[in-house]
């Protein structure tokens, strides 16, 4: 997949993981691993950006005597996913147009 296209999908993929339940960094990477390759160095800046945009909130819980940073989607984050899905319909139409224009040789 084109890196630019992949980059545009990462935020909504992360929000989608959080829509299924609160989570933490390593688990988010693990949950997405079957669909998209994501490193910690890519994930955490995106999580900070999503938090700054109001799409998720952060809280801590104790786990094995250490604090674990947890992420929770907000109503704005859910709205962002819904807006993405509406926009995706337009992308699918463009995809079909391009696909139909390819000539088999």
N, C-alpha and C. Protein backbone atom coordinates (compact mmCIF):
# COMPACT_ATOMS: atom_id res chain seq x y z
N UNK A 1 0.85 -1.18 0.00
CA UNK A 1 0.00 0.00 0.00
C UNK A 1 0.89 1.24 0.00
N UNK A 2 0.47 2.23 -0.74
CA UNK A 2 1.17 3.51 -0.81
C UNK A 2 1.30 4.10 0.60
N UNK A 3 2.50 4.52 1.01
CA UNK A 3 2.70 5.06 2.37
C UNK A 3 1.81 6.26 2.70
N UNK A 4 1.55 7.14 1.73
CA UNK A 4 0.68 8.29 1.99
C UNK A 4 -0.75 7.84 2.29
N UNK A 5 -1.22 6.87 1.52
CA UNK A 5 -2.58 6.37 1.73
C UNK A 5 -2.66 5.69 3.09
N UNK A 6 -1.65 4.91 3.42
CA UNK A 6 -1.61 4.19 4.69
C UNK A 6 -1.62 5.19 5.86
N UNK A 7 -0.84 6.23 5.73
CA UNK A 7 -0.76 7.24 6.78
C UNK A 7 -2.13 7.85 7.07
N UNK A 8 -2.90 8.08 6.02
CA UNK A 8 -4.23 8.66 6.20
C UNK A 8 -5.21 7.74 6.88
N UNK A 9 -4.96 6.45 6.85
CA UNK A 9 -5.86 5.48 7.46
C UNK A 9 -5.52 5.17 8.92
N UNK A 10 -4.31 5.44 9.33
CA UNK A 10 -3.87 5.05 10.67
C UNK A 10 -4.72 5.64 11.79
N UNK A 11 -5.03 6.92 11.70
CA UNK A 11 -5.80 7.54 12.77
C UNK A 11 -7.15 6.87 12.95
N UNK A 12 -7.85 6.64 11.86
CA UNK A 12 -9.17 6.03 11.97
C UNK A 12 -9.07 4.58 12.41
N UNK A 13 -8.00 3.88 12.03
CA UNK A 13 -7.79 2.51 12.50
C UNK A 13 -7.60 2.49 14.02
N UNK A 14 -6.81 3.42 14.53
CA UNK A 14 -6.58 3.50 15.97
C UNK A 14 -7.88 3.83 16.69
N UNK A 15 -8.62 4.78 16.16
CA UNK A 15 -9.92 5.11 16.77
C UNK A 15 -10.85 3.90 16.75
N UNK A 16 -10.81 3.13 15.70
CA UNK A 16 -11.65 1.95 15.59
C UNK A 16 -11.30 0.92 16.66
N UNK A 17 -10.02 0.74 16.94
CA UNK A 17 -9.62 -0.15 18.04
C UNK A 17 -10.23 0.33 19.35
N UNK A 18 -10.13 1.63 19.59
CA UNK A 18 -10.63 2.20 20.84
C UNK A 18 -12.15 2.18 20.91
N UNK A 19 -12.81 2.16 19.77
CA UNK A 19 -14.27 2.07 19.78
C UNK A 19 -14.71 0.71 20.34
N UNK A 20 -13.86 -0.28 20.21
CA UNK A 20 -14.15 -1.62 20.71
C UNK A 20 -13.89 -1.74 22.21
N UNK A 21 -13.16 -0.76 22.76
CA UNK A 21 -12.87 -0.75 24.19
C UNK A 21 -11.58 0.00 24.48
N UNK A 22 -11.45 0.49 25.69
CA UNK A 22 -10.24 1.20 26.09
C UNK A 22 -9.04 0.29 25.90
N UNK A 23 -7.89 0.89 25.62
CA UNK A 23 -6.71 0.08 25.34
C UNK A 23 -5.45 0.86 25.65
N UNK A 24 -4.31 0.20 25.47
CA UNK A 24 -3.00 0.80 25.70
C UNK A 24 -2.13 0.53 24.47
N UNK A 25 -1.01 1.22 24.38
CA UNK A 25 -0.19 1.23 23.18
C UNK A 25 0.14 -0.13 22.59
N UNK A 26 0.76 -1.00 23.38
CA UNK A 26 1.16 -2.30 22.84
C UNK A 26 -0.04 -3.09 22.32
N UNK A 27 -1.15 -3.04 23.04
CA UNK A 27 -2.34 -3.79 22.63
C UNK A 27 -2.94 -3.21 21.35
N UNK A 28 -2.89 -1.91 21.19
CA UNK A 28 -3.38 -1.29 19.96
C UNK A 28 -2.57 -1.81 18.77
N UNK A 29 -1.25 -1.84 18.92
CA UNK A 29 -0.39 -2.36 17.85
C UNK A 29 -0.74 -3.81 17.56
N UNK A 30 -0.89 -4.60 18.60
CA UNK A 30 -1.22 -6.02 18.44
C UNK A 30 -2.59 -6.19 17.76
N UNK A 31 -3.58 -5.42 18.16
CA UNK A 31 -4.92 -5.53 17.58
C UNK A 31 -4.94 -5.18 16.10
N UNK A 32 -4.07 -4.29 15.68
CA UNK A 32 -4.03 -3.87 14.27
C UNK A 32 -3.07 -4.70 13.42
N UNK A 33 -2.25 -5.54 14.06
CA UNK A 33 -1.16 -6.21 13.35
C UNK A 33 -1.61 -7.09 12.18
N UNK A 34 -2.82 -7.63 12.23
CA UNK A 34 -3.32 -8.43 11.10
C UNK A 34 -3.72 -7.58 9.91
N UNK A 35 -3.87 -6.28 10.12
CA UNK A 35 -4.41 -5.40 9.08
C UNK A 35 -3.40 -4.39 8.57
N UNK A 36 -2.56 -3.90 9.47
CA UNK A 36 -1.66 -2.83 9.09
C UNK A 36 -0.43 -2.86 10.01
N UNK A 37 0.74 -2.63 9.44
CA UNK A 37 1.96 -2.63 10.24
C UNK A 37 2.10 -1.26 10.90
N UNK A 38 2.32 -1.28 12.21
CA UNK A 38 2.39 -0.05 12.99
C UNK A 38 3.46 -0.21 14.05
N UNK A 39 4.38 0.73 14.12
CA UNK A 39 5.43 0.69 15.13
C UNK A 39 5.09 1.64 16.27
N UNK A 40 5.76 1.45 17.39
CA UNK A 40 5.55 2.35 18.53
C UNK A 40 5.93 3.78 18.17
N UNK A 41 6.99 3.93 17.38
CA UNK A 41 7.44 5.29 17.02
C UNK A 41 6.44 6.00 16.12
N UNK A 42 5.58 5.25 15.47
CA UNK A 42 4.50 5.84 14.67
C UNK A 42 3.25 6.04 15.53
N UNK A 43 2.96 5.05 16.38
CA UNK A 43 1.73 5.08 17.16
C UNK A 43 1.64 6.26 18.12
N UNK A 44 2.66 6.45 18.94
CA UNK A 44 2.53 7.42 20.03
C UNK A 44 2.36 8.87 19.56
N UNK A 45 3.03 9.32 18.51
CA UNK A 45 2.71 10.67 18.02
C UNK A 45 1.27 10.79 17.53
N UNK A 46 0.75 9.72 16.92
CA UNK A 46 -0.65 9.74 16.46
C UNK A 46 -1.58 9.82 17.66
N UNK A 47 -1.29 9.03 18.70
CA UNK A 47 -2.13 9.09 19.91
C UNK A 47 -2.12 10.49 20.52
N UNK A 48 -0.96 11.12 20.57
CA UNK A 48 -0.89 12.50 21.11
C UNK A 48 -1.71 13.46 20.25
N UNK A 49 -1.62 13.30 18.92
CA UNK A 49 -2.38 14.16 18.01
C UNK A 49 -3.88 13.94 18.18
N UNK A 50 -4.29 12.68 18.32
CA UNK A 50 -5.71 12.37 18.52
C UNK A 50 -6.21 12.94 19.84
N UNK A 51 -5.38 12.89 20.87
CA UNK A 51 -5.76 13.46 22.16
C UNK A 51 -5.90 14.98 22.04
N UNK A 52 -4.94 15.62 21.39
CA UNK A 52 -4.98 17.08 21.23
C UNK A 52 -6.19 17.53 20.42
N UNK A 53 -6.65 16.67 19.52
CA UNK A 53 -7.82 16.98 18.69
C UNK A 53 -9.13 16.69 19.40
N UNK A 54 -9.05 16.06 20.57
CA UNK A 54 -10.25 15.76 21.33
C UNK A 54 -10.92 14.45 20.93
N UNK A 55 -10.23 13.62 20.14
CA UNK A 55 -10.80 12.36 19.68
C UNK A 55 -10.62 11.22 20.67
N UNK A 56 -9.71 11.40 21.61
CA UNK A 56 -9.55 10.40 22.66
C UNK A 56 -9.09 11.08 23.93
N UNK A 57 -9.25 10.37 25.03
CA UNK A 57 -8.76 10.86 26.31
C UNK A 57 -7.82 9.82 26.90
N UNK A 58 -6.95 10.27 27.78
CA UNK A 58 -5.93 9.42 28.37
C UNK A 58 -6.14 9.37 29.88
N UNK A 59 -5.97 8.17 30.43
CA UNK A 59 -5.98 8.01 31.87
C UNK A 59 -4.98 6.90 32.22
N UNK A 60 -4.65 6.78 33.50
CA UNK A 60 -3.69 5.75 33.90
C UNK A 60 -4.35 4.76 34.85
N UNK A 61 -3.88 3.52 34.77
CA UNK A 61 -4.29 2.47 35.70
C UNK A 61 -3.02 1.76 36.17
N UNK A 62 -3.10 1.19 37.37
CA UNK A 62 -1.96 0.44 37.85
C UNK A 62 -2.03 -0.99 37.32
N UNK A 63 -0.90 -1.46 36.80
CA UNK A 63 -0.80 -2.81 36.26
C UNK A 63 0.57 -3.36 36.64
N UNK A 64 0.58 -4.45 37.40
CA UNK A 64 1.84 -5.04 37.88
C UNK A 64 2.74 -4.01 38.57
N UNK A 65 2.15 -3.25 39.45
CA UNK A 65 2.86 -2.23 40.24
C UNK A 65 3.44 -1.09 39.40
N UNK A 66 2.96 -0.95 38.16
CA UNK A 66 3.39 0.16 37.30
C UNK A 66 2.15 0.86 36.77
N UNK A 67 2.32 2.10 36.39
CA UNK A 67 1.21 2.84 35.79
C UNK A 67 1.17 2.58 34.30
N UNK A 68 0.00 2.27 33.80
CA UNK A 68 -0.17 2.02 32.36
C UNK A 68 -1.07 3.13 31.82
N UNK A 69 -0.65 3.75 30.73
CA UNK A 69 -1.43 4.79 30.09
C UNK A 69 -2.50 4.13 29.21
N UNK A 70 -3.74 4.46 29.49
CA UNK A 70 -4.88 3.89 28.76
C UNK A 70 -5.51 4.99 27.90
N UNK A 71 -6.09 4.56 26.78
CA UNK A 71 -6.71 5.48 25.84
C UNK A 71 -8.17 5.12 25.68
N UNK A 72 -9.02 6.14 25.66
CA UNK A 72 -10.47 5.96 25.55
C UNK A 72 -10.99 6.90 24.47
N UNK A 73 -11.79 6.37 23.57
CA UNK A 73 -12.36 7.21 22.51
C UNK A 73 -13.42 8.14 23.10
N UNK A 74 -13.51 9.33 22.55
CA UNK A 74 -14.53 10.29 22.98
C UNK A 74 -15.67 10.31 21.95
N UNK A 75 -16.72 11.04 22.26
CA UNK A 75 -17.82 11.20 21.31
C UNK A 75 -17.32 11.83 20.01
N UNK A 76 -16.38 12.76 20.13
CA UNK A 76 -15.80 13.38 18.92
C UNK A 76 -15.05 12.34 18.09
N UNK A 77 -14.38 11.41 18.75
CA UNK A 77 -13.67 10.35 18.05
C UNK A 77 -14.63 9.44 17.30
N UNK A 78 -15.75 9.11 17.92
CA UNK A 78 -16.78 8.29 17.25
C UNK A 78 -17.33 9.04 16.06
N UNK A 79 -17.56 10.34 16.22
CA UNK A 79 -18.04 11.16 15.11
C UNK A 79 -17.03 11.16 13.96
N UNK A 80 -15.74 11.20 14.29
CA UNK A 80 -14.69 11.18 13.27
C UNK A 80 -14.73 9.88 12.46
N UNK A 81 -14.96 8.76 13.14
CA UNK A 81 -15.08 7.48 12.43
C UNK A 81 -16.26 7.51 11.47
N UNK A 82 -17.39 8.03 11.94
CA UNK A 82 -18.59 8.10 11.09
C UNK A 82 -18.35 8.99 9.88
N UNK A 83 -17.66 10.11 10.07
CA UNK A 83 -17.35 11.00 8.95
C UNK A 83 -16.41 10.31 7.96
N UNK A 84 -15.46 9.53 8.48
CA UNK A 84 -14.56 8.78 7.61
C UNK A 84 -15.35 7.79 6.76
N UNK A 85 -16.31 7.10 7.36
CA UNK A 85 -17.08 6.11 6.62
C UNK A 85 -17.93 6.75 5.51
N UNK A 86 -18.46 7.92 5.77
CA UNK A 86 -19.20 8.64 4.73
C UNK A 86 -18.25 9.03 3.60
N UNK A 87 -17.08 9.53 3.94
CA UNK A 87 -16.09 9.89 2.93
C UNK A 87 -15.57 8.68 2.17
N UNK A 88 -15.53 7.53 2.83
CA UNK A 88 -15.04 6.33 2.20
C UNK A 88 -15.93 5.91 1.03
N UNK A 89 -17.21 6.18 1.12
CA UNK A 89 -18.12 5.86 0.01
C UNK A 89 -17.67 6.59 -1.26
N UNK A 90 -17.23 7.82 -1.11
CA UNK A 90 -16.73 8.58 -2.25
C UNK A 90 -15.43 7.97 -2.79
N UNK A 91 -14.56 7.54 -1.88
CA UNK A 91 -13.31 6.90 -2.30
C UNK A 91 -13.60 5.60 -3.04
N UNK A 92 -14.57 4.84 -2.58
CA UNK A 92 -14.94 3.60 -3.27
C UNK A 92 -15.44 3.88 -4.69
N UNK A 93 -16.20 4.94 -4.86
CA UNK A 93 -16.69 5.29 -6.19
C UNK A 93 -15.51 5.66 -7.11
N UNK A 94 -14.56 6.41 -6.59
CA UNK A 94 -13.37 6.76 -7.37
C UNK A 94 -12.58 5.51 -7.72
N UNK A 95 -12.43 4.60 -6.76
CA UNK A 95 -11.73 3.33 -6.98
C UNK A 95 -12.38 2.55 -8.12
N UNK A 96 -13.69 2.45 -8.10
CA UNK A 96 -14.41 1.73 -9.16
C UNK A 96 -14.18 2.38 -10.52
N UNK A 97 -14.20 3.71 -10.55
CA UNK A 97 -13.97 4.44 -11.80
C UNK A 97 -12.58 4.11 -12.34
N UNK A 98 -11.58 4.15 -11.46
CA UNK A 98 -10.20 3.86 -11.90
C UNK A 98 -10.08 2.41 -12.34
N UNK A 99 -10.64 1.51 -11.59
CA UNK A 99 -10.56 0.08 -11.90
C UNK A 99 -11.21 -0.23 -13.25
N UNK A 100 -12.36 0.38 -13.52
CA UNK A 100 -13.06 0.15 -14.79
C UNK A 100 -12.28 0.72 -15.98
N UNK A 101 -11.41 1.69 -15.73
CA UNK A 101 -10.65 2.30 -16.81
C UNK A 101 -9.40 1.52 -17.21
N UNK A 102 -9.03 0.52 -16.40
CA UNK A 102 -7.83 -0.27 -16.70
C UNK A 102 -8.15 -1.26 -17.81
N UNK A 103 -7.32 -1.28 -18.81
CA UNK A 103 -7.51 -2.20 -19.93
C UNK A 103 -6.61 -3.41 -19.74
N UNK A 104 -7.17 -4.58 -19.86
CA UNK A 104 -6.37 -5.80 -19.80
C UNK A 104 -5.61 -5.94 -21.10
N UNK A 105 -4.33 -6.24 -21.00
CA UNK A 105 -3.51 -6.38 -22.20
C UNK A 105 -3.10 -7.80 -22.40
